[in-house]
Amino acid sequence: MIRTSMDDISDEEFDKIVFPFDEAITKYIDNMVYDYMAYYIATGYKMSAIWNSSLKAHCNSSMDNISSIDNFDYNKIKEILKEKYKLKIVNDEQLEIEEIKK
């Protein structure tokens, strides 16, 4: 469900919805980010494409690469939503999503 107004729920309901959502997203990102950083370092090492620096510097460089992405393939996102999450975007401009029934 996509909410259209903050007025349709109480502060308590908001907390019950948003805090678990934030926790789920943070857990997902943590898993993805650590795996990506390790991949970045391993691939750089195996391809002799990283230079002598600290682990912290290489991790920061890997995150710089992610933050510079700005040309998204929206059709790929739609495909992942459809195949992995059984969701279909029916309106791109004012986001509308439908569940795909089996």
Protein backbone atom coordinates (compact mmCIF):
# COMPACT_ATOMS: atom_id res chain seq x y z
CA MET A 1 0.00 0.00 0.00
CA ILE A 2 1.16 3.50 -0.76
CA ARG A 3 -0.09 6.03 1.74
CA THR A 4 -1.39 9.35 0.51
CA SER A 5 -1.63 11.29 3.75
CA MET A 6 0.04 11.47 7.13
CA ASP A 7 -3.38 12.28 8.59
CA ASP A 8 -4.74 8.76 8.16
CA ILE A 9 -2.79 7.26 11.10
CA SER A 10 -1.98 8.23 14.66
CA ASP A 11 1.55 8.90 15.90
CA GLU A 12 1.52 5.51 17.65
CA GLU A 13 0.46 3.70 14.46
CA PHE A 14 3.11 5.62 12.52
CA ASP A 15 5.80 4.41 14.93
CA LYS A 16 4.54 0.82 14.67
CA ILE A 17 4.82 0.99 10.88
CA VAL A 18 7.93 3.10 10.30
CA PHE A 19 10.31 1.72 12.95
CA PRO A 20 10.05 -1.91 11.75
CA PHE A 21 10.35 -0.70 8.13
CA ASP A 22 13.52 1.25 8.98
CA GLU A 23 14.95 -1.78 10.79
CA ALA A 24 14.23 -4.08 7.84
CA ILE A 25 15.80 -1.67 5.35
CA THR A 26 18.86 -1.10 7.55
CA LYS A 27 19.40 -4.85 7.92
CA TYR A 28 19.10 -5.36 4.15
CA ILE A 29 21.49 -2.49 3.40
CA ASP A 30 24.02 -3.67 5.97
CA ASN A 31 24.12 -7.13 4.37
CA MET A 32 24.34 -5.70 0.86
CA VAL A 33 26.93 -3.04 1.70
CA TYR A 34 29.36 -5.35 3.47
CA ASP A 35 29.14 -7.88 0.66
CA TYR A 36 29.67 -5.11 -1.92
CA MET A 37 32.68 -3.67 -0.06
CA ALA A 38 34.28 -7.12 0.13
CA TYR A 39 33.57 -7.65 -3.58
CA TYR A 40 35.07 -4.24 -4.42
CA ILE A 41 38.28 -5.02 -2.52
CA ALA A 42 38.55 -8.62 -3.76
CA THR A 43 37.96 -7.64 -7.38
CA GLY A 44 40.34 -4.70 -7.14
CA TYR A 45 43.01 -6.95 -5.61
CA LYS A 46 42.59 -9.77 -8.14
CA MET A 47 42.66 -7.32 -11.06
CA SER A 48 45.58 -5.32 -9.58
CA ALA A 49 43.34 -2.26 -9.67
CA ILE A 50 43.68 -0.94 -6.13
CA TRP A 51 46.59 0.91 -4.62
CA ASN A 52 48.14 0.82 -1.20
CA SER A 53 45.81 2.57 1.21
CA SER A 54 43.82 1.84 4.36
CA LEU A 55 40.85 -0.48 4.52
CA LYS A 56 38.78 2.54 5.52
CA ALA A 57 39.85 4.44 2.39
CA HIS A 58 38.92 1.52 0.11
CA CYS A 59 35.56 1.09 1.82
CA ASN A 60 34.88 4.82 1.38
CA SER A 61 35.89 4.59 -2.28
CA SER A 62 33.49 1.70 -2.80
CA MET A 63 30.66 3.78 -1.32
CA ASP A 64 31.61 6.73 -3.52
CA ASN A 65 31.04 4.47 -6.53
CA ILE A 66 27.53 3.64 -5.35
CA SER A 67 26.61 7.23 -4.54
CA SER A 68 27.65 8.40 -8.01
CA ILE A 69 25.11 6.16 -9.75
CA ASP A 70 22.45 8.39 -11.25
CA ASN A 71 21.33 6.76 -14.46
CA PHE A 72 18.79 4.17 -13.34
CA ASP A 73 17.25 1.53 -15.56
CA TYR A 74 13.66 1.85 -14.39
CA ASN A 75 12.59 -1.08 -16.54
CA LYS A 76 15.06 -3.28 -14.65
CA ILE A 77 13.56 -2.09 -11.35
CA LYS A 78 10.09 -2.92 -12.65
CA GLU A 79 11.30 -6.36 -13.75
CA ILE A 80 12.76 -7.11 -10.29
CA LEU A 81 9.57 -5.91 -8.58
CA LYS A 82 7.55 -8.18 -10.85
CA GLU A 83 9.71 -11.29 -10.66
CA LYS A 84 11.00 -11.16 -7.10
CA TYR A 85 8.25 -9.31 -5.22
CA LYS A 86 5.17 -9.98 -7.39
CA LEU A 87 4.43 -6.26 -7.70
CA LYS A 88 3.58 -4.28 -10.81
CA ILE A 89 4.01 -0.53 -11.22
CA VAL A 90 0.91 0.78 -12.96
CA ASN A 91 1.79 4.48 -12.78
CA ASP A 92 5.35 5.83 -12.78
CA GLU A 93 4.58 9.49 -12.21
CA GLN A 94 2.34 9.25 -9.15
CA LEU A 95 3.60 5.89 -7.95
CA GLU A 96 0.89 3.25 -8.05
CA ILE A 97 1.61 -0.41 -7.42
CA GLU A 98 -0.53 -3.53 -7.75
CA GLU A 99 0.10 -6.97 -6.36
CA ILE A 100 0.33 -9.64 -9.04
CA LYS A 101 -2.12 -12.43 -8.35
CA LYS A 102 -0.94 -15.96 -9.08
